Amino acid sequence: MNKQLLGRIMKGIGFFPGSDADKSAGVYSRKACLSPHQIELNNMQWTKLQKYDKFIYSRISHFSQLATQENQSLMEAAKLPNFSQLEWTSANPKEECKSFSNVIVTQDRFFNKPHQDLNDLNAWTYGIFSFLSIRHFHPLPTVFTPSGHGLHFPELKMEIDFSKKPGIMELLWKTSTNVHHTTKHSPEIINNDQITHFGCYFQINHKLFNVGHKFLKISPTEIKSKVHGYLERNVKEQKHAKKTQLGIVFFAKY
């Protein structure tokens, strides 16, 4: 569980280290007790993930070719799967658009404590932020709200005020070295049930990288037996899903 979390929703997409006692990694699971309709919608969203690879890759390249090359080298060094892949063993080491192994998504009045993401192996993290309409889940071009919600860097004495930056905001920053946190929403946002603030952060997890390095020494069949992939997750998620802010937490050692 994320100990820095203070309020509301944080979820994950992609691969994360640890799982059951006999597993070393797995895809993030859904939380328990979803309706059949919700599961169907979720499955549809999963099929769309791979379409985002090239877009995310192009956006990072737009800001920094160095960050793009460093991330791709890390992914290739441990043969890590991209966040959009369904199974670890389907990873293509020559895939051109591999950038990150997982994505953290926040919404619904999320805020947290000042921290460094020490488990981020990537030097630079790419993030997307926007106020959204809850009804349509579309970005809002303009939100009239007082200050009070943003990304704060206390050591740098800098804050990016989301309420003063309408539309979609992109950010590339050093999450592992720069102390940062998302500040609490203003009362006007908290009491507004028509909008929410969305954020997502693309990362390469250090522990997952170590797992990937160990996987280089074993066969694809052995790897498959040590990873909760998408298909196996669907079968077992009701049993293993934890009632936490993340929906699941997988912890184990390889």
C-alpha atoms as a PDB file:
ATOM      1  CA  MET A   1       0.000   0.000   0.000  1.00  0.00           C
ATOM      2  CA  ASN A   2       1.268   3.481  -0.806  1.00  0.00           C
ATOM      3  CA  LYS A   3       2.146   5.004   2.584  1.00  0.00           C
ATOM      4  CA  GLN A   4       2.291   8.524   1.107  1.00  0.00           C
ATOM      5  CA  LEU A   5      -1.396   8.482   0.156  1.00  0.00           C
ATOM      6  CA  LEU A   6      -3.572  10.860   2.182  1.00  0.00           C
ATOM      7  CA  GLY A   7      -6.792  10.997   0.239  1.00  0.00           C
ATOM      8  CA  ARG A   8      -8.916   9.384  -2.449  1.00  0.00           C
ATOM      9  CA  ILE A   9      -8.014   7.193  -5.414  1.00  0.00           C
ATOM     10  CA  MET A  10      -4.705   5.826  -6.721  1.00  0.00           C
ATOM     11  CA  LYS A  11      -4.604   2.845  -9.096  1.00  0.00           C
ATOM     12  CA  GLY A  12      -2.091   1.043 -11.268  1.00  0.00           C
ATOM     13  CA  ILE A  13      -1.868  -0.256 -14.838  1.00  0.00           C
ATOM     14  CA  GLY A  14       0.802  -2.570 -16.182  1.00  0.00           C
ATOM     15  CA  PHE A  15       3.279  -4.763 -14.300  1.00  0.00           C
ATOM     16  CA  PHE A  16       4.366  -4.637 -10.667  1.00  0.00           C
ATOM     17  CA  PRO A  17       6.893  -6.727  -8.680  1.00  0.00           C
ATOM     18  CA  GLY A  18       5.640  -9.418  -6.311  1.00  0.00           C
ATOM     19  CA  SER A  19       2.445 -11.398  -6.185  1.00  0.00           C
ATOM     20  CA  ASP A  20       1.434 -14.608  -4.455  1.00  0.00           C
ATOM     21  CA  ALA A  21       4.027 -16.667  -2.606  1.00  0.00           C
ATOM     22  CA  ASP A  22       5.038 -18.505  -5.785  1.00  0.00           C
ATOM     23  CA  LYS A  23       5.003 -15.458  -8.070  1.00  0.00           C
ATOM     24  CA  SER A  24       7.561 -12.739  -8.744  1.00  0.00           C
ATOM     25  CA  ALA A  25       5.498 -10.203 -10.692  1.00  0.00           C
ATOM     26  CA  GLY A  26       2.064  -9.576 -12.102  1.00  0.00           C
ATOM     27  CA  VAL A  27      -0.284  -7.154 -13.763  1.00  0.00           C
ATOM     28  CA  TYR A  28      -2.351  -4.951 -11.482  1.00  0.00           C
ATOM     29  CA  SER A  29      -5.618  -6.632 -10.582  1.00  0.00           C
ATOM     30  CA  ARG A  30      -9.092  -5.190 -10.443  1.00  0.00           C
ATOM     31  CA  LYS A  31     -10.710  -4.710  -7.082  1.00  0.00           C
ATOM     32  CA  ALA A  32     -13.197  -7.303  -5.930  1.00  0.00           C
ATOM     33  CA  CYS A  33     -16.959  -7.289  -6.452  1.00  0.00           C
ATOM     34  CA  LEU A  34     -17.131  -5.505  -9.805  1.00  0.00           C
ATOM     35  CA  SER A  35     -20.370  -5.978 -11.703  1.00  0.00           C
ATOM     36  CA  PRO A  36     -20.337  -7.966 -14.988  1.00  0.00           C
ATOM     37  CA  HIS A  37     -20.925  -4.689 -16.847  1.00  0.00           C
ATOM     38  CA  GLN A  38     -17.920  -3.046 -15.155  1.00  0.00           C
ATOM     39  CA  ILE A  39     -15.726  -6.051 -15.967  1.00  0.00           C
ATOM     40  CA  GLU A  40     -16.831  -5.936 -19.611  1.00  0.00           C
ATOM     41  CA  LEU A  41     -15.982  -2.230 -19.834  1.00  0.00           C
ATOM     42  CA  ASN A  42     -12.624  -2.851 -18.179  1.00  0.00           C
ATOM     43  CA  ASN A  43     -11.792  -5.608 -20.663  1.00  0.00           C
ATOM     44  CA  MET A  44     -12.585  -3.227 -23.527  1.00  0.00           C
ATOM     45  CA  GLN A  45     -10.223  -0.629 -22.068  1.00  0.00           C
ATOM     46  CA  TRP A  46      -7.430  -3.190 -21.803  1.00  0.00           C
ATOM     47  CA  THR A  47      -7.684  -3.888 -25.534  1.00  0.00           C
ATOM     48  CA  LYS A  48      -7.104  -0.180 -26.234  1.00  0.00           C
ATOM     49  CA  LEU A  49      -3.913   0.160 -24.189  1.00  0.00           C
ATOM     50  CA  GLN A  50      -1.540  -0.920 -26.944  1.00  0.00           C
ATOM     51  CA  LYS A  51      -2.849   1.881 -29.152  1.00  0.00           C
ATOM     52  CA  TYR A  52      -1.418   4.384 -26.667  1.00  0.00           C
ATOM     53  CA  ASP A  53       2.182   3.125 -26.859  1.00  0.00           C
ATOM     54  CA  LYS A  54       3.253   5.159 -29.871  1.00  0.00           C
ATOM     55  CA  PHE A  55       1.477   8.276 -28.612  1.00  0.00           C
ATOM     56  CA  ILE A  56       3.161   8.202 -25.182  1.00  0.00           C
ATOM     57  CA  TYR A  57       6.504   7.409 -26.790  1.00  0.00           C
ATOM     58  CA  SER A  58       6.138  10.347 -29.181  1.00  0.00           C
ATOM     59  CA  ARG A  59       5.263  12.753 -26.367  1.00  0.00           C
ATOM     60  CA  ILE A  60       8.325  11.820 -24.307  1.00  0.00           C
ATOM     61  CA  SER A  61      10.501  12.097 -27.417  1.00  0.00           C
ATOM     62  CA  HIS A  62       9.036  15.548 -28.021  1.00  0.00           C
ATOM     63  CA  PHE A  63      10.343  16.763 -24.654  1.00  0.00           C
ATOM     64  CA  SER A  64      13.595  14.819 -24.374  1.00  0.00           C
ATOM     65  CA  GLN A  65      15.353  12.409 -26.706  1.00  0.00           C
ATOM     66  CA  LEU A  66      17.772  11.600 -23.877  1.00  0.00           C
ATOM     67  CA  ALA A  67      14.962  10.554 -21.520  1.00  0.00           C
ATOM     68  CA  THR A  68      13.446   8.445 -24.303  1.00  0.00           C
ATOM     69  CA  GLN A  69      16.724   6.657 -25.000  1.00  0.00           C
ATOM     70  CA  GLU A  70      17.501   6.089 -21.305  1.00  0.00           C
ATOM     71  CA  ASN A  71      14.069   4.609 -20.626  1.00  0.00           C
ATOM     72  CA  GLN A  72      14.200   2.365 -23.665  1.00  0.00           C
ATOM     73  CA  SER A  73      17.682   1.124 -22.698  1.00  0.00           C
ATOM     74  CA  LEU A  74      16.441   0.212 -19.205  1.00  0.00           C
ATOM     75  CA  MET A  75      13.445  -1.646 -20.594  1.00  0.00           C
ATOM     76  CA  GLU A  76      15.611  -3.565 -23.054  1.00  0.00           C
ATOM     77  CA  ALA A  77      18.319  -4.384 -20.475  1.00  0.00           C
ATOM     78  CA  ALA A  78      15.884  -6.444 -18.389  1.00  0.00           C
ATOM     79  CA  LYS A  79      13.522  -7.350 -21.257  1.00  0.00           C
ATOM     80  CA  LEU A  80      10.680  -5.673 -19.353  1.00  0.00           C
ATOM     81  CA  PRO A  81       7.167  -5.711 -20.825  1.00  0.00           C
ATOM     82  CA  ASN A  82       5.534  -2.410 -21.678  1.00  0.00           C
ATOM     83  CA  PHE A  83       2.652  -1.185 -19.508  1.00  0.00           C
ATOM     84  CA  SER A  84       0.175  -2.066 -22.271  1.00  0.00           C
ATOM     85  CA  GLN A  85       1.132  -5.727 -22.672  1.00  0.00           C
ATOM     86  CA  LEU A  86      -1.134  -8.479 -21.371  1.00  0.00           C
ATOM     87  CA  GLU A  87       1.542 -11.076 -20.664  1.00  0.00           C
ATOM     88  CA  TRP A  88       5.229 -10.833 -19.736  1.00  0.00           C
ATOM     89  CA  THR A  89       6.261 -13.560 -22.156  1.00  0.00           C
ATOM     90  CA  SER A  90       4.728 -11.676 -25.085  1.00  0.00           C
ATOM     91  CA  ALA A  91       7.355  -8.954 -24.679  1.00  0.00           C
ATOM     92  CA  ASN A  92       9.240  -8.066 -27.835  1.00  0.00           C
ATOM     93  CA  PRO A  93      12.789  -6.924 -26.932  1.00  0.00           C
ATOM     94  CA  LYS A  94      13.041  -5.037 -30.248  1.00  0.00           C
ATOM     95  CA  GLU A  95       9.786  -3.128 -29.824  1.00  0.00           C
ATOM     96  CA  GLU A  96      10.520   0.504 -30.661  1.00  0.00           C
ATOM     97  CA  CYS A  97       7.925   2.161 -28.438  1.00  0.00           C
ATOM     98  CA  LYS A  98       8.758   0.565 -25.091  1.00  0.00           C
ATOM     99  CA  SER A  99       9.032   3.337 -22.517  1.00  0.00           C
ATOM    100  CA  PHE A 100       7.526   2.347 -19.159  1.00  0.00           C
ATOM    101  CA  SER A 101       6.523  -0.831 -17.329  1.00  0.00           C
ATOM    102  CA  ASN A 102       3.631   0.622 -15.352  1.00  0.00           C
ATOM    103  CA  VAL A 103       1.345   3.631 -14.956  1.00  0.00           C
ATOM    104  CA  ILE A 104      -0.085   5.112 -11.752  1.00  0.00           C
ATOM    105  CA  VAL A 105      -3.443   6.856 -12.154  1.00  0.00           C
ATOM    106  CA  THR A 106      -4.934   9.278  -9.607  1.00  0.00           C
ATOM    107  CA  GLN A 107      -8.300  11.009  -9.423  1.00  0.00           C
ATOM    108  CA  ASP A 108     -11.197  11.923  -7.132  1.00  0.00           C
ATOM    109  CA  ARG A 109      -9.582  14.589  -4.912  1.00  0.00           C
ATOM    110  CA  PHE A 110      -6.268  12.728  -4.619  1.00  0.00           C
ATOM    111  CA  PHE A 111      -3.444  14.231  -2.537  1.00  0.00           C
ATOM    112  CA  ASN A 112      -0.394  12.845  -0.739  1.00  0.00           C
ATOM    113  CA  LYS A 113       2.628  13.553   1.474  1.00  0.00           C
ATOM    114  CA  PRO A 114       5.921  15.084   0.293  1.00  0.00           C
ATOM    115  CA  HIS A 115       8.136  12.227  -0.903  1.00  0.00           C
ATOM    116  CA  GLN A 116      10.639  10.914  -3.415  1.00  0.00           C
ATOM    117  CA  ASP A 117       9.667   7.923  -5.549  1.00  0.00           C
ATOM    118  CA  LEU A 118      12.769   5.919  -4.691  1.00  0.00           C
ATOM    119  CA  ASN A 119      11.471   2.850  -6.520  1.00  0.00           C
ATOM    120  CA  ASP A 120      11.408   4.750  -9.828  1.00  0.00           C
ATOM    121  CA  LEU A 121      14.389   3.537 -11.847  1.00  0.00           C
ATOM    122  CA  ASN A 122      13.741   5.955 -14.703  1.00  0.00           C
ATOM    123  CA  ALA A 123      15.510   9.276 -14.226  1.00  0.00           C
ATOM    124  CA  TRP A 124      12.582  11.164 -15.759  1.00  0.00           C
ATOM    125  CA  THR A 125       8.887  10.467 -15.204  1.00  0.00           C
ATOM    126  CA  TYR A 126       6.255  11.567 -17.716  1.00  0.00           C
ATOM    127  CA  GLY A 127       2.912  12.757 -16.355  1.00  0.00           C
ATOM    128  CA  ILE A 128      -0.420  13.921 -17.799  1.00  0.00           C
ATOM    129  CA  PHE A 129      -2.865  16.044 -15.774  1.00  0.00           C
ATOM    130  CA  SER A 130      -6.297  17.515 -16.452  1.00  0.00           C
ATOM    131  CA  PHE A 131      -9.598  18.420 -14.850  1.00  0.00           C
ATOM    132  CA  LEU A 132     -12.285  16.091 -16.192  1.00  0.00           C
ATOM    133  CA  SER A 133     -16.040  16.058 -16.458  1.00  0.00           C
ATOM    134  CA  ILE A 134     -17.241  13.170 -14.272  1.00  0.00           C
ATOM    135  CA  ARG A 135     -20.256  12.631 -16.508  1.00  0.00           C
ATOM    136  CA  HIS A 136     -18.342  12.346 -19.795  1.00  0.00           C
ATOM    137  CA  PHE A 137     -14.785  11.894 -18.476  1.00  0.00           C
ATOM    138  CA  HIS A 138     -13.548  14.421 -21.031  1.00  0.00           C
ATOM    139  CA  PRO A 139     -10.874  17.080 -20.316  1.00  0.00           C
ATOM    140  CA  LEU A 140     -12.242  20.483 -19.360  1.00  0.00           C
ATOM    141  CA  PRO A 141     -10.696  23.437 -21.226  1.00  0.00           C
ATOM    142  CA  THR A 142     -11.414  25.863 -18.378  1.00  0.00           C
ATOM    143  CA  VAL A 143     -12.032  25.410 -14.654  1.00  0.00           C
ATOM    144  CA  PHE A 144     -12.763  28.474 -12.544  1.00  0.00           C
ATOM    145  CA  THR A 145     -11.580  27.578  -9.081  1.00  0.00           C
ATOM    146  CA  PRO A 146      -9.394  29.184  -6.391  1.00  0.00           C
ATOM    147  CA  SER A 147      -5.831  27.986  -5.926  1.00  0.00           C
ATOM    148  CA  GLY A 148      -5.248  25.020  -3.671  1.00  0.00           C
ATOM    149  CA  HIS A 149      -4.562  21.987  -5.830  1.00  0.00           C
ATOM    150  CA  GLY A 150      -1.269  21.444  -7.560  1.00  0.00           C
ATOM    151  CA  LEU A 151       2.074  19.680  -7.714  1.00  0.00           C
ATOM    152  CA  HIS A 152       4.359  21.114  -5.043  1.00  0.00           C
ATOM    153  CA  PHE A 153       8.169  20.844  -4.937  1.00  0.00           C
ATOM    154  CA  PRO A 154       9.032  22.059  -1.388  1.00  0.00           C
ATOM    155  CA  GLU A 155      12.828  21.936  -1.748  1.00  0.00           C
ATOM    156  CA  LEU A 156      12.687  23.841  -5.031  1.00  0.00           C
ATOM    157  CA  LYS A 157      10.124  26.278  -3.593  1.00  0.00           C
ATOM    158  CA  MET A 158       7.949  25.759  -6.648  1.00  0.00           C
ATOM    159  CA  GLU A 159       4.331  24.766  -7.193  1.00  0.00           C
ATOM    160  CA  ILE A 160       2.416  24.049 -10.389  1.00  0.00           C
ATOM    161  CA  ASP A 161      -1.135  25.221  -9.730  1.00  0.00           C
ATOM    162  CA  PHE A 162      -3.522  22.948 -11.636  1.00  0.00           C
ATOM    163  CA  SER A 163      -6.442  25.307 -11.056  1.00  0.00           C
ATOM    164  CA  LYS A 164      -4.649  27.996 -13.081  1.00  0.00           C
ATOM    165  CA  LYS A 165      -3.630  25.638 -15.893  1.00  0.00           C
ATOM    166  CA  PRO A 166      -6.795  24.622 -17.797  1.00  0.00           C
ATOM    167  CA  GLY A 167      -6.827  21.878 -20.384  1.00  0.00           C
ATOM    168  CA  ILE A 168      -4.309  19.038 -20.547  1.00  0.00           C
ATOM    169  CA  MET A 169      -0.914  19.531 -18.889  1.00  0.00           C
ATOM    170  CA  GLU A 170       2.178  17.436 -19.612  1.00  0.00           C
ATOM    171  CA  LEU A 171       5.127  17.276 -17.244  1.00  0.00           C
ATOM    172  CA  LEU A 172       8.526  15.586 -17.279  1.00  0.00           C
ATOM    173  CA  TRP A 173      10.320  15.587 -13.926  1.00  0.00           C
ATOM    174  CA  LYS A 174      12.714  13.629 -11.698  1.00  0.00           C
ATOM    175  CA  THR A 175      10.419  11.794  -9.302  1.00  0.00           C
ATOM    176  CA  SER A 176      13.219   9.840  -7.600  1.00  0.00           C
ATOM    177  CA  THR A 177      15.353  12.862  -6.676  1.00  0.00           C
ATOM    178  CA  ASN A 178      12.935  15.817  -6.433  1.00  0.00           C
ATOM    179  CA  VAL A 179      10.778  15.841  -3.294  1.00  0.00           C
ATOM    180  CA  HIS A 180       7.215  16.440  -4.479  1.00  0.00           C
ATOM    181  CA  HIS A 181       3.575  15.929  -3.560  1.00  0.00           C
ATOM    182  CA  THR A 182       0.075  16.647  -4.810  1.00  0.00           C
ATOM    183  CA  THR A 183      -1.657  19.226  -2.623  1.00  0.00           C
ATOM    184  CA  LYS A 184      -5.231  19.084  -1.397  1.00  0.00           C
ATOM    185  CA  HIS A 185      -8.111  20.445  -3.467  1.00  0.00           C
ATOM    186  CA  SER A 186      -9.866  23.677  -2.584  1.00  0.00           C
ATOM    187  CA  PRO A 187     -13.338  23.360  -0.957  1.00  0.00           C
ATOM    188  CA  GLU A 188     -14.889  24.524  -4.238  1.00  0.00           C
ATOM    189  CA  ILE A 189     -13.511  21.432  -6.001  1.00  0.00           C
ATOM    190  CA  ILE A 190     -14.169  19.031  -3.117  1.00  0.00           C
ATOM    191  CA  ASN A 191     -17.832  20.050  -3.046  1.00  0.00           C
ATOM    192  CA  ASN A 192     -18.265  19.941  -6.834  1.00  0.00           C
ATOM    193  CA  ASP A 193     -19.604  16.542  -7.910  1.00  0.00           C
ATOM    194  CA  GLN A 194     -19.389  17.420 -11.629  1.00  0.00           C
ATOM    195  CA  ILE A 195     -15.605  17.488 -12.007  1.00  0.00           C
ATOM    196  CA  THR A 196     -12.531  15.588 -10.863  1.00  0.00           C
ATOM    197  CA  HIS A 197      -8.809  16.041 -11.406  1.00  0.00           C
ATOM    198  CA  PHE A 198      -7.019  13.270 -13.279  1.00  0.00           C
ATOM    199  CA  GLY A 199      -3.313  12.519 -13.161  1.00  0.00           C
ATOM    200  CA  CYS A 200      -1.181   9.669 -14.487  1.00  0.00           C
ATOM    201  CA  TYR A 201       2.517   8.931 -14.085  1.00  0.00           C
ATOM    202  CA  PHE A 202       4.495   6.567 -16.327  1.00  0.00           C
ATOM    203  CA  GLN A 203       7.299   4.730 -14.518  1.00  0.00           C
ATOM    204  CA  ILE A 204       9.884   1.921 -14.549  1.00  0.00           C
ATOM    205  CA  ASN A 205       9.878   0.175 -11.178  1.00  0.00           C
ATOM    206  CA  HIS A 206      13.337  -0.606  -9.743  1.00  0.00           C
ATOM    207  CA  LYS A 207      12.239  -3.862  -8.088  1.00  0.00           C
ATOM    208  CA  LEU A 208      10.541  -5.000 -11.282  1.00  0.00           C
ATOM    209  CA  PHE A 209      13.787  -4.312 -13.155  1.00  0.00           C
ATOM    210  CA  ASN A 210      15.612  -6.628 -10.726  1.00  0.00           C
ATOM    211  CA  VAL A 211      12.984  -9.316 -11.310  1.00  0.00           C
ATOM    212  CA  GLY A 212      13.435  -8.899 -15.056  1.00  0.00           C
ATOM    213  CA  HIS A 213      17.192  -9.374 -14.737  1.00  0.00           C
ATOM    214  CA  LYS A 214      16.643 -12.662 -12.890  1.00  0.00           C
ATOM    215  CA  PHE A 215      14.188 -13.747 -15.550  1.00  0.00           C
ATOM    216  CA  LEU A 216      16.962 -13.461 -18.162  1.00  0.00           C
ATOM    217  CA  LYS A 217      18.462 -16.642 -16.696  1.00  0.00           C
ATOM    218  CA  ILE A 218      15.360 -18.829 -17.005  1.00  0.00           C
ATOM    219  CA  SER A 219      13.162 -20.113 -19.826  1.00  0.00           C
ATOM    220  CA  PRO A 220       9.942 -18.470 -21.100  1.00  0.00           C
ATOM    221  CA  THR A 221       7.976 -21.377 -19.604  1.00  0.00           C
ATOM    222  CA  GLU A 222       9.502 -20.751 -16.166  1.00  0.00           C
ATOM    223  CA  ILE A 223       8.864 -17.020 -16.494  1.00  0.00           C
ATOM    224  CA  LYS A 224       5.211 -17.648 -17.295  1.00  0.00           C
ATOM    225  CA  SER A 225       4.870 -19.772 -14.151  1.00  0.00           C
ATOM    226  CA  LYS A 226       6.230 -16.917 -12.022  1.00  0.00           C
ATOM    227  CA  VAL A 227       4.045 -14.092 -13.369  1.00  0.00           C
ATOM    228  CA  HIS A 228       0.373 -13.302 -12.894  1.00  0.00           C
ATOM    229  CA  GLY A 229      -0.512 -12.298 -16.448  1.00  0.00           C
ATOM    230  CA  TYR A 230      -3.770 -10.841 -17.676  1.00  0.00           C
ATOM    231  CA  LEU A 231      -5.531 -14.163 -18.314  1.00  0.00           C
ATOM    232  CA  GLU A 232      -4.538 -15.736 -15.001  1.00  0.00           C
ATOM    233  CA  ARG A 233      -5.414 -12.532 -13.200  1.00  0.00           C
ATOM    234  CA  ASN A 234      -8.939 -12.648 -14.572  1.00  0.00           C
ATOM    235  CA  VAL A 235      -9.409 -16.127 -13.138  1.00  0.00           C
ATOM    236  CA  LYS A 236      -7.982 -15.403  -9.688  1.00  0.00           C
ATOM    237  CA  GLU A 237      -8.616 -11.698  -9.112  1.00  0.00           C
ATOM    238  CA  GLN A 238     -11.682 -12.145  -6.935  1.00  0.00           C
ATOM    239  CA  LYS A 239      -9.645 -14.302  -4.590  1.00  0.00           C
ATOM    240  CA  HIS A 240      -6.577 -12.087  -4.480  1.00  0.00           C
ATOM    241  CA  ALA A 241      -7.954  -8.551  -4.801  1.00  0.00           C
ATOM    242  CA  LYS A 242      -7.384  -6.508  -1.656  1.00  0.00           C
ATOM    243  CA  LYS A 243      -9.731  -3.836  -0.375  1.00  0.00           C
ATOM    244  CA  THR A 244      -7.198  -1.027  -0.520  1.00  0.00           C
ATOM    245  CA  GLN A 245      -6.882   2.284  -2.303  1.00  0.00           C
ATOM    246  CA  LEU A 246      -4.900   0.562  -5.055  1.00  0.00           C
ATOM    247  CA  GLY A 247      -7.411  -2.242  -5.570  1.00  0.00           C
ATOM    248  CA  ILE A 248      -4.626  -4.814  -5.081  1.00  0.00           C
ATOM    249  CA  VAL A 249      -1.227  -5.041  -3.517  1.00  0.00           C
ATOM    250  CA  PHE A 250       1.103  -7.849  -4.635  1.00  0.00           C
ATOM    251  CA  PHE A 251       4.078  -8.551  -2.367  1.00  0.00           C
ATOM    252  CA  ALA A 252       6.524 -11.439  -2.657  1.00  0.00           C
ATOM    253  CA  LYS A 253      10.186 -12.190  -3.283  1.00  0.00           C
ATOM    254  CA  TYR A 254      11.708 -13.946  -6.240  1.00  0.00           C
END
